[in-house]
């Protein structure tokens, strides 16, 4: 039992900080779909240590091969195409970690996530962070997000988004944010006010607004 606990602690510590937050928000035994699951580190943790019934969708061949090597059930393809194959409420949780800025049509993907899943977990870097604002003001150059060190010209291309942007979008399209976790350079931060100014990454649990009101 002690060895199993040590293995779980080591696997948890190896996860990226935002993935740790996603893991904490995922109920034990949940049916999970991980979009853009990369090498499968999060999905493997959820399957092995939280008894999740997990599946993934990943575009890169290298990511799919890594997931297969972990014994995970993952299909290769674009997110939009992969989501369309699942009927409504197929999953308890649909995960989108650090992929939102790279989506061509984030509104469509989020709508599909909340169609096939009862809830969605989304993490993304926050370009509203105060250092990003200061860098843009002083240098006139588009800054790197603190938790996404990738230049604007690198592939795949990203679209800057802030916590305030995302919260406003959710309100506009009828998506309820039911849980919030904020990180500041990899550490959990208890931010009550000015979240858009102080957080480098946000992790949200989302539900349809009508569903959230019923609970």
Protein backbone atom coordinates (compact mmCIF):
# COMPACT_ATOMS: atom_id res chain seq x y z
CA UNK A 1 0.00 0.00 0.00
CA UNK A 2 2.86 2.37 0.90
CA UNK A 3 4.61 1.57 -2.39
CA UNK A 4 1.40 2.28 -4.34
CA UNK A 5 1.00 5.61 -2.58
CA UNK A 6 4.62 6.47 -3.36
CA UNK A 7 4.08 5.63 -7.03
CA UNK A 8 0.98 7.81 -7.18
CA UNK A 9 2.78 10.70 -5.48
CA UNK A 10 5.70 10.39 -7.90
CA UNK A 11 3.37 10.25 -10.93
CA UNK A 12 1.46 13.30 -9.66
CA UNK A 13 4.66 15.27 -9.06
CA UNK A 14 5.81 14.52 -12.61
CA UNK A 15 2.72 16.17 -14.10
CA UNK A 16 2.80 19.76 -15.32
CA UNK A 17 1.28 22.09 -12.67
CA UNK A 18 -1.89 22.77 -14.68
CA UNK A 19 -2.32 19.03 -15.26
CA UNK A 20 -2.09 18.48 -11.51
CA UNK A 21 -4.99 20.90 -11.11
CA UNK A 22 -6.95 19.11 -13.84
CA UNK A 23 -6.30 15.78 -12.12
CA UNK A 24 -7.59 17.21 -8.83
CA UNK A 25 -10.81 18.33 -10.52
CA UNK A 26 -11.42 14.95 -12.17
CA UNK A 27 -13.65 12.67 -10.06
CA UNK A 28 -12.40 9.15 -9.32
CA UNK A 29 -13.87 6.58 -11.68
CA UNK A 30 -14.98 9.20 -14.22
CA UNK A 31 -15.28 8.48 -17.92
CA UNK A 32 -12.76 10.87 -19.44
CA UNK A 33 -11.88 12.14 -22.92
CA UNK A 34 -8.56 14.01 -23.16
CA UNK A 35 -8.29 16.26 -26.24
CA UNK A 36 -4.80 16.93 -27.50
CA UNK A 37 -3.51 14.45 -24.94
CA UNK A 38 0.14 14.71 -26.03
CA UNK A 39 2.27 11.90 -24.66
CA UNK A 40 -0.58 10.71 -22.43
CA UNK A 41 0.98 11.63 -19.08
CA UNK A 42 -2.27 13.03 -17.65
CA UNK A 43 -4.46 10.30 -19.10
CA UNK A 44 -2.15 7.59 -17.75
CA UNK A 45 -2.28 9.16 -14.30
CA UNK A 46 -6.08 9.35 -14.32
CA UNK A 47 -6.46 5.75 -15.52
CA UNK A 48 -3.95 4.24 -13.12
CA UNK A 49 -4.41 6.32 -10.01
CA UNK A 50 -7.98 7.65 -10.20
CA UNK A 51 -9.54 4.59 -11.88
CA UNK A 52 -10.79 6.72 -14.78
CA UNK A 53 -12.07 5.12 -17.95
CA UNK A 54 -10.02 7.21 -20.31
CA UNK A 55 -9.70 7.85 -24.03
CA UNK A 56 -7.71 10.44 -25.91
CA UNK A 57 -7.49 12.26 -29.24
CA UNK A 58 -4.07 13.42 -30.45
CA UNK A 59 -2.96 14.84 -33.78
CA UNK A 60 0.77 14.10 -33.70
CA UNK A 61 2.01 10.64 -34.56
CA UNK A 62 4.72 10.89 -31.91
CA UNK A 63 2.10 11.64 -29.25
CA UNK A 64 -0.11 8.76 -30.33
CA UNK A 65 2.84 6.34 -30.26
CA UNK A 66 3.80 7.53 -26.79
CA UNK A 67 0.21 6.98 -25.59
CA UNK A 68 0.11 3.50 -27.12
CA UNK A 69 3.36 2.73 -25.34
CA UNK A 70 1.61 3.60 -22.07
CA UNK A 71 -1.22 1.21 -22.93
CA UNK A 72 -3.76 3.99 -23.47
CA UNK A 73 -6.73 4.06 -25.85
CA UNK A 74 -5.98 7.01 -28.16
CA UNK A 75 -7.01 7.85 -31.70
CA UNK A 76 -5.11 10.08 -34.10
CA UNK A 77 -6.91 12.99 -35.72
CA UNK A 78 -8.21 16.54 -35.49
CA UNK A 79 -10.30 17.42 -32.44
CA UNK A 80 -13.36 18.56 -34.38
CA UNK A 81 -13.55 15.33 -36.37
CA UNK A 82 -12.89 13.17 -33.33
CA UNK A 83 -15.57 14.83 -31.20
CA UNK A 84 -18.20 14.49 -33.92
CA UNK A 85 -18.01 10.70 -33.64
CA UNK A 86 -19.27 10.62 -30.06
CA UNK A 87 -22.95 10.85 -29.04
CA UNK A 88 -24.16 13.33 -26.42
CA UNK A 89 -23.14 12.74 -22.80
CA UNK A 90 -20.66 10.00 -23.69
CA UNK A 91 -18.21 11.21 -21.02
CA UNK A 92 -18.28 12.62 -17.51
CA UNK A 93 -15.33 14.92 -18.21
CA UNK A 94 -13.74 16.27 -21.41
CA UNK A 95 -10.28 17.81 -20.97
CA UNK A 96 -8.54 20.51 -23.04
CA UNK A 97 -5.20 21.38 -21.45
CA UNK A 98 -3.07 24.25 -22.85
CA UNK A 99 -4.57 23.74 -26.33
CA UNK A 100 -7.19 26.52 -26.41
CA UNK A 101 -4.85 29.21 -27.89
CA UNK A 102 -4.06 26.94 -30.86
CA UNK A 103 -7.65 26.20 -31.92
CA UNK A 104 -8.99 27.63 -35.20
CA UNK A 105 -12.57 27.57 -33.88
CA UNK A 106 -12.53 27.45 -30.07
CA UNK A 107 -16.26 28.21 -29.78
CA UNK A 108 -17.14 25.12 -31.84
CA UNK A 109 -14.74 22.89 -29.90
CA UNK A 110 -16.06 24.04 -26.52
CA UNK A 111 -19.65 23.52 -27.67
CA UNK A 112 -18.78 19.99 -28.77
CA UNK A 113 -16.96 19.31 -25.50
CA UNK A 114 -20.10 20.19 -23.55
CA UNK A 115 -22.22 18.14 -25.92
CA UNK A 116 -20.27 14.89 -25.50
CA UNK A 117 -19.32 15.56 -21.87
CA UNK A 118 -21.25 16.49 -18.74
CA UNK A 119 -18.45 18.91 -17.84
CA UNK A 120 -15.24 20.22 -19.36
CA UNK A 121 -11.87 21.04 -17.81
CA UNK A 122 -9.87 23.72 -19.63
CA UNK A 123 -6.45 25.16 -18.85
CA UNK A 124 -4.73 27.96 -20.75
CA UNK A 125 -1.95 30.54 -20.31
CA UNK A 126 -3.07 34.06 -19.43
CA UNK A 127 -1.80 36.91 -21.60
CA UNK A 128 -3.51 39.33 -19.22
CA UNK A 129 -0.73 38.73 -16.66
CA UNK A 130 0.88 41.97 -15.55
CA UNK A 131 4.34 41.15 -16.92
CA UNK A 132 2.83 40.52 -20.37
CA UNK A 133 1.11 43.89 -20.25
CA UNK A 134 4.31 45.64 -19.13
CA UNK A 135 6.43 43.97 -21.81
CA UNK A 136 3.99 45.02 -24.54
CA UNK A 137 3.92 48.57 -23.16
CA UNK A 138 7.69 48.97 -22.86
CA UNK A 139 8.90 47.07 -25.94
CA UNK A 140 5.92 47.20 -28.33
CA UNK A 141 6.38 43.48 -28.96
CA UNK A 142 3.84 40.72 -28.42
CA UNK A 143 5.05 38.94 -25.26
CA UNK A 144 5.38 35.23 -24.63
CA UNK A 145 2.86 33.90 -22.15
CA UNK A 146 4.74 33.04 -18.93
CA UNK A 147 3.60 29.41 -19.03
CA UNK A 148 3.77 29.01 -22.83
CA UNK A 149 7.29 29.93 -23.99
CA UNK A 150 6.59 29.89 -27.72
CA UNK A 151 7.12 32.74 -30.18
CA UNK A 152 4.23 34.03 -32.28
CA UNK A 153 5.89 32.76 -35.48
CA UNK A 154 6.46 29.19 -34.27
CA UNK A 155 4.20 26.37 -35.43
CA UNK A 156 1.50 25.76 -34.42
CA UNK A 157 0.47 29.43 -34.25
CA UNK A 158 -1.34 30.65 -31.15
CA UNK A 159 -3.92 33.33 -30.49
CA UNK A 160 -3.41 35.30 -27.27
CA UNK A 161 -6.30 35.02 -24.80
CA UNK A 162 -6.75 36.34 -21.27
CA UNK A 163 -8.82 35.20 -18.32
CA UNK A 164 -11.14 38.17 -18.81
CA UNK A 165 -11.53 37.32 -22.51
CA UNK A 166 -12.47 33.74 -21.70
CA UNK A 167 -14.84 34.58 -18.87
CA UNK A 168 -16.66 37.07 -21.09
CA UNK A 169 -16.91 34.52 -23.88
CA UNK A 170 -18.39 31.90 -21.53
CA UNK A 171 -21.02 34.33 -20.31
CA UNK A 172 -21.90 35.27 -23.89
CA UNK A 173 -22.44 31.67 -25.09
CA UNK A 174 -24.14 30.27 -21.97
CA UNK A 175 -21.24 28.36 -20.41
CA UNK A 176 -20.94 28.38 -16.61
CA UNK A 177 -17.53 28.38 -14.89
CA UNK A 178 -18.17 26.19 -11.85
CA UNK A 179 -14.62 25.79 -10.48
CA UNK A 180 -11.51 27.94 -10.80
CA UNK A 181 -7.86 27.23 -10.03
CA UNK A 182 -5.19 29.84 -10.69
CA UNK A 183 -1.45 29.35 -11.02
CA UNK A 184 1.36 31.85 -10.79
CA UNK A 185 4.48 30.54 -12.51
CA UNK A 186 3.66 26.94 -11.69
CA UNK A 187 2.41 27.46 -8.13
CA UNK A 188 -1.19 27.51 -6.95
CA UNK A 189 -2.28 31.01 -6.06
CA UNK A 190 -5.31 31.95 -3.99
CA UNK A 191 -6.35 35.01 -5.98
CA UNK A 192 -9.70 36.54 -5.08
CA UNK A 193 -9.42 39.81 -6.97
CA UNK A 194 -7.52 40.96 -10.10
CA UNK A 195 -7.10 37.36 -11.27
CA UNK A 196 -6.45 38.54 -14.81
CA UNK A 197 -3.53 40.60 -13.52
CA UNK A 198 -1.84 38.08 -11.22
CA UNK A 199 -2.41 34.59 -12.67
CA UNK A 200 -0.11 33.12 -15.33
CA UNK A 201 -2.39 30.12 -16.00
CA UNK A 202 -6.08 29.42 -15.36
CA UNK A 203 -7.81 26.07 -14.94
CA UNK A 204 -11.61 26.10 -15.22
CA UNK A 205 -14.34 23.52 -14.89
CA UNK A 206 -17.15 24.32 -17.31
CA UNK A 207 -20.76 23.23 -17.62
CA UNK A 208 -23.72 24.37 -19.64
CA UNK A 209 -25.30 27.27 -17.78
CA UNK A 210 -28.71 25.56 -17.67
CA UNK A 211 -27.14 22.41 -16.26
CA UNK A 212 -25.18 24.32 -13.63
CA UNK A 213 -28.35 26.07 -12.39
CA UNK A 214 -30.09 22.73 -11.84
CA UNK A 215 -27.33 21.45 -9.55
